[in-house]
C-alpha cells in the first residue's frame, strides 16, 4: 500500500476531463435510446406474433373456400389411412 501511495497518477487537464465527461454522457444516452428502441421492437414482434397466431386459428391468413371439407373430416381420413397402413 505504501508503494502505491508513492506512485504518480496522471490526471488530464480540466478541459480534457470535461470532454471525456461529455462524451461518456453522450454515449450513455445513445445506449439508453438503443435499449429503448430494442425493447420497442421486441414488443412489436410479440404483438405481431400474437396477431398472426390469432388470425391463423381463425383461418384468416388465406382465403377460405366454402367447398373445403371440415378439418374433422380430413383428420378422420388421415386416421383411416394410418389404420390401413398398419
N, C-alpha and C. Protein backbone atom coordinates (compact mmCIF):
# COMPACT_ATOMS: atom_id res chain seq x y z
N UNK A 1 0.82 -1.18 0.00
CA UNK A 1 0.00 0.00 0.00
C UNK A 1 0.87 1.25 0.00
N UNK A 2 1.98 1.19 0.73
CA UNK A 2 2.88 2.34 0.78
C UNK A 2 3.47 2.62 -0.60
N UNK A 3 3.81 1.56 -1.34
CA UNK A 3 4.38 1.74 -2.67
C UNK A 3 3.35 2.37 -3.61
N UNK A 4 2.11 1.98 -3.49
CA UNK A 4 1.06 2.54 -4.34
C UNK A 4 0.83 4.02 -4.04
N UNK A 5 0.93 4.39 -2.78
CA UNK A 5 0.71 5.78 -2.40
C UNK A 5 1.76 6.70 -3.04
N UNK A 6 2.93 6.18 -3.27
CA UNK A 6 4.03 7.00 -3.81
C UNK A 6 4.05 7.04 -5.33
N UNK A 7 3.18 6.27 -6.00
CA UNK A 7 3.16 6.28 -7.46
C UNK A 7 2.46 7.54 -7.96
N UNK A 8 3.03 8.16 -8.97
CA UNK A 8 2.35 9.33 -9.54
C UNK A 8 1.15 8.89 -10.39
N UNK A 9 0.09 9.66 -10.34
CA UNK A 9 -1.10 9.38 -11.13
C UNK A 9 -1.32 10.55 -12.07
N UNK A 10 -1.37 10.24 -13.36
CA UNK A 10 -1.57 11.29 -14.35
C UNK A 10 -3.05 11.69 -14.39
N UNK A 11 -3.30 12.95 -14.25
CA UNK A 11 -4.66 13.47 -14.32
C UNK A 11 -4.71 14.44 -15.49
N UNK A 12 -5.65 14.19 -16.41
CA UNK A 12 -5.72 15.07 -17.58
C UNK A 12 -6.17 16.47 -17.18
N UNK A 13 -5.88 17.44 -18.05
CA UNK A 13 -6.32 18.80 -17.75
C UNK A 13 -7.84 18.88 -17.63
N UNK A 14 -8.33 19.92 -16.96
CA UNK A 14 -9.75 20.10 -16.71
C UNK A 14 -10.55 20.06 -18.01
N UNK A 15 -10.07 20.70 -19.05
CA UNK A 15 -10.81 20.73 -20.33
C UNK A 15 -10.95 19.32 -20.91
N UNK A 16 -9.91 18.50 -20.78
CA UNK A 16 -9.98 17.12 -21.27
C UNK A 16 -10.91 16.28 -20.40
N UNK A 17 -10.91 16.50 -19.10
CA UNK A 17 -11.82 15.80 -18.21
C UNK A 17 -13.27 16.12 -18.58
N UNK A 18 -13.54 17.39 -18.86
CA UNK A 18 -14.89 17.80 -19.25
C UNK A 18 -15.30 17.16 -20.58
N UNK A 19 -14.37 17.12 -21.52
CA UNK A 19 -14.66 16.49 -22.82
C UNK A 19 -14.96 15.00 -22.63
N UNK A 20 -14.17 14.33 -21.81
CA UNK A 20 -14.41 12.90 -21.53
C UNK A 20 -15.78 12.72 -20.88
N UNK A 21 -16.11 13.59 -19.92
CA UNK A 21 -17.39 13.53 -19.24
C UNK A 21 -18.54 13.67 -20.25
N UNK A 22 -18.43 14.66 -21.14
CA UNK A 22 -19.49 14.89 -22.12
C UNK A 22 -19.61 13.72 -23.10
N UNK A 23 -18.49 13.16 -23.52
CA UNK A 23 -18.54 12.01 -24.44
C UNK A 23 -19.16 10.79 -23.77
N UNK A 24 -18.79 10.55 -22.52
CA UNK A 24 -19.36 9.41 -21.79
C UNK A 24 -20.87 9.60 -21.66
N UNK A 25 -21.31 10.81 -21.30
CA UNK A 25 -22.75 11.07 -21.19
C UNK A 25 -23.44 10.89 -22.54
N UNK A 26 -22.81 11.38 -23.59
CA UNK A 26 -23.39 11.26 -24.94
C UNK A 26 -23.60 9.79 -25.29
N UNK A 27 -22.59 8.96 -25.05
CA UNK A 27 -22.69 7.54 -25.41
C UNK A 27 -23.62 6.77 -24.47
N UNK A 28 -23.71 7.17 -23.22
CA UNK A 28 -24.67 6.53 -22.32
C UNK A 28 -26.09 6.85 -22.75
N UNK A 29 -26.34 8.10 -23.15
CA UNK A 29 -27.67 8.47 -23.65
C UNK A 29 -28.00 7.71 -24.92
N UNK A 30 -27.02 7.56 -25.80
CA UNK A 30 -27.22 6.80 -27.03
C UNK A 30 -27.55 5.34 -26.69
N UNK A 31 -26.82 4.78 -25.74
CA UNK A 31 -27.08 3.39 -25.33
C UNK A 31 -28.49 3.25 -24.77
N UNK A 32 -28.94 4.24 -24.00
CA UNK A 32 -30.31 4.20 -23.47
C UNK A 32 -31.33 4.22 -24.59
N UNK A 33 -31.10 5.05 -25.60
CA UNK A 33 -32.04 5.13 -26.73
C UNK A 33 -32.05 3.83 -27.53
N UNK A 34 -30.88 3.24 -27.72
CA UNK A 34 -30.80 1.97 -28.43
C UNK A 34 -31.54 0.88 -27.64
N UNK A 35 -31.34 0.87 -26.34
CA UNK A 35 -32.02 -0.12 -25.50
C UNK A 35 -33.54 0.05 -25.58
N UNK A 36 -34.01 1.30 -25.55
CA UNK A 36 -35.45 1.56 -25.64
C UNK A 36 -35.99 1.14 -27.01
N UNK A 37 -35.24 1.44 -28.07
CA UNK A 37 -35.67 1.03 -29.41
C UNK A 37 -35.73 -0.49 -29.52
N UNK A 38 -34.76 -1.14 -28.92
CA UNK A 38 -34.73 -2.61 -28.93
C UNK A 38 -35.94 -3.17 -28.19
N UNK A 39 -36.26 -2.59 -27.05
CA UNK A 39 -37.43 -3.05 -26.28
C UNK A 39 -38.71 -2.81 -27.08
N UNK A 40 -38.82 -1.66 -27.74
CA UNK A 40 -39.99 -1.38 -28.57
C UNK A 40 -40.11 -2.39 -29.70
N UNK A 41 -38.99 -2.74 -30.31
CA UNK A 41 -39.00 -3.72 -31.39
C UNK A 41 -39.45 -5.09 -30.87
N UNK A 42 -38.94 -5.50 -29.71
CA UNK A 42 -39.36 -6.78 -29.12
C UNK A 42 -40.86 -6.78 -28.83
N UNK A 43 -41.36 -5.66 -28.31
CA UNK A 43 -42.80 -5.55 -28.02
C UNK A 43 -43.61 -5.67 -29.31
N UNK A 44 -43.14 -5.00 -30.36
CA UNK A 44 -43.85 -5.06 -31.65
C UNK A 44 -43.85 -6.48 -32.22
N UNK A 45 -42.73 -7.16 -32.12
CA UNK A 45 -42.64 -8.54 -32.61
C UNK A 45 -43.60 -9.43 -31.83
N UNK A 46 -43.65 -9.25 -30.52
CA UNK A 46 -44.56 -10.05 -29.70
C UNK A 46 -46.01 -9.82 -30.12
N UNK A 47 -46.40 -8.54 -30.27
CA UNK A 47 -47.78 -8.24 -30.66
C UNK A 47 -48.08 -8.78 -32.06
N UNK A 48 -47.13 -8.67 -32.97
CA UNK A 48 -47.33 -9.18 -34.32
C UNK A 48 -47.49 -10.70 -34.31
N UNK A 49 -46.66 -11.37 -33.53
CA UNK A 49 -46.75 -12.83 -33.42
C UNK A 49 -48.12 -13.24 -32.88
N UNK A 50 -48.57 -12.55 -31.85
CA UNK A 50 -49.89 -12.88 -31.28
C UNK A 50 -51.00 -12.63 -32.31
N UNK A 51 -50.86 -11.57 -33.06
CA UNK A 51 -51.86 -11.25 -34.08
C UNK A 51 -51.90 -12.31 -35.18
N UNK A 52 -50.71 -12.74 -35.60
CA UNK A 52 -50.63 -13.78 -36.64
C UNK A 52 -51.23 -15.08 -36.14
N UNK A 53 -50.90 -15.46 -34.91
CA UNK A 53 -51.46 -16.70 -34.35
C UNK A 53 -52.98 -16.62 -34.24
N UNK A 54 -53.48 -15.48 -33.81
CA UNK A 54 -54.93 -15.30 -33.70
C UNK A 54 -55.58 -15.47 -35.06
N UNK A 55 -55.01 -14.80 -36.07
CA UNK A 55 -55.57 -14.92 -37.42
C UNK A 55 -55.46 -16.35 -37.94
N UNK A 56 -54.37 -17.03 -37.63
CA UNK A 56 -54.20 -18.41 -38.10
C UNK A 56 -55.27 -19.31 -37.51
N UNK A 57 -55.54 -19.17 -36.21
CA UNK A 57 -56.55 -20.02 -35.58
C UNK A 57 -57.96 -19.69 -36.05
N UNK A 58 -58.15 -18.47 -36.52
CA UNK A 58 -59.46 -18.09 -37.06
C UNK A 58 -59.59 -18.42 -38.55
N UNK A 59 -58.48 -18.85 -39.15
CA UNK A 59 -58.49 -19.17 -40.58
C UNK A 59 -58.51 -17.92 -41.45
N UNK A 60 -57.92 -16.85 -40.96
CA UNK A 60 -57.94 -15.59 -41.68
C UNK A 60 -56.67 -15.28 -42.46
N UNK A 61 -55.72 -16.20 -42.49
CA UNK A 61 -54.46 -15.92 -43.17
C UNK A 61 -54.53 -16.15 -44.68
N UNK A 62 -55.41 -17.04 -45.09
CA UNK A 62 -55.57 -17.33 -46.52
C UNK A 62 -57.06 -17.29 -46.85
N UNK A 63 -57.38 -17.03 -48.10
CA UNK A 63 -58.80 -17.05 -48.47
C UNK A 63 -59.40 -18.43 -48.19
N UNK A 64 -60.61 -18.43 -47.68
CA UNK A 64 -61.28 -19.69 -47.34
C UNK A 64 -62.21 -20.10 -48.48
N UNK A 65 -62.19 -21.38 -48.79
CA UNK A 65 -63.06 -21.92 -49.82
C UNK A 65 -64.22 -22.62 -49.12
N UNK A 66 -65.44 -22.13 -49.33
CA UNK A 66 -66.58 -22.75 -48.65
C UNK A 66 -66.80 -24.20 -49.06
N UNK A 67 -66.18 -24.63 -50.15
CA UNK A 67 -66.33 -26.02 -50.60
C UNK A 67 -65.35 -26.97 -49.91
N UNK A 68 -64.40 -26.42 -49.15
CA UNK A 68 -63.45 -27.27 -48.43
C UNK A 68 -64.18 -28.07 -47.36
N UNK A 69 -63.70 -29.31 -47.15
CA UNK A 69 -64.32 -30.12 -46.11
C UNK A 69 -63.83 -29.66 -44.74
N UNK A 70 -64.58 -29.90 -43.72
CA UNK A 70 -64.17 -29.53 -42.36
C UNK A 70 -62.90 -30.28 -41.96
N UNK A 71 -62.15 -29.68 -41.05
CA UNK A 71 -60.91 -30.30 -40.57
C UNK A 71 -61.18 -31.66 -39.94
N UNK A 72 -62.31 -31.81 -39.27
CA UNK A 72 -62.62 -33.08 -38.62
C UNK A 72 -62.72 -34.22 -39.65
N UNK A 73 -63.25 -33.92 -40.83
CA UNK A 73 -63.36 -34.93 -41.89
C UNK A 73 -61.96 -35.29 -42.40
N UNK A 74 -61.14 -34.27 -42.61
CA UNK A 74 -59.77 -34.52 -43.09
C UNK A 74 -59.00 -35.36 -42.08
N UNK A 75 -59.13 -35.03 -40.79
CA UNK A 75 -58.44 -35.80 -39.75
C UNK A 75 -58.92 -37.24 -39.72
N UNK A 76 -60.19 -37.45 -39.88
CA UNK A 76 -60.72 -38.82 -39.89
C UNK A 76 -60.17 -39.60 -41.07
N UNK A 77 -60.05 -38.96 -42.23
CA UNK A 77 -59.46 -39.63 -43.40
C UNK A 77 -58.01 -40.03 -43.13
N UNK A 78 -57.28 -39.13 -42.47
CA UNK A 78 -55.88 -39.44 -42.14
C UNK A 78 -55.80 -40.61 -41.16
N UNK A 79 -56.69 -40.65 -40.19
CA UNK A 79 -56.70 -41.77 -39.22
C UNK A 79 -57.02 -43.09 -39.93
N UNK A 80 -57.99 -43.04 -40.83
CA UNK A 80 -58.33 -44.25 -41.60
C UNK A 80 -57.13 -44.72 -42.42
N UNK A 81 -56.45 -43.80 -43.02
CA UNK A 81 -55.27 -44.14 -43.84
C UNK A 81 -54.20 -44.80 -42.99
N UNK A 82 -53.96 -44.21 -41.78
CA UNK A 82 -52.96 -44.78 -40.88
C UNK A 82 -53.35 -46.19 -40.45
N UNK A 83 -54.61 -46.41 -40.16
CA UNK A 83 -55.08 -47.75 -39.76
C UNK A 83 -54.84 -48.78 -40.87
N UNK A 84 -55.10 -48.37 -42.09
CA UNK A 84 -54.93 -49.29 -43.23
C UNK A 84 -53.47 -49.62 -43.48
N UNK A 85 -52.58 -48.65 -43.18
CA UNK A 85 -51.15 -48.87 -43.39
C UNK A 85 -50.53 -49.76 -42.32
N UNK A 86 -51.18 -49.87 -41.18
CA UNK A 86 -50.62 -50.69 -40.08
C UNK A 86 -50.99 -52.08 -40.23
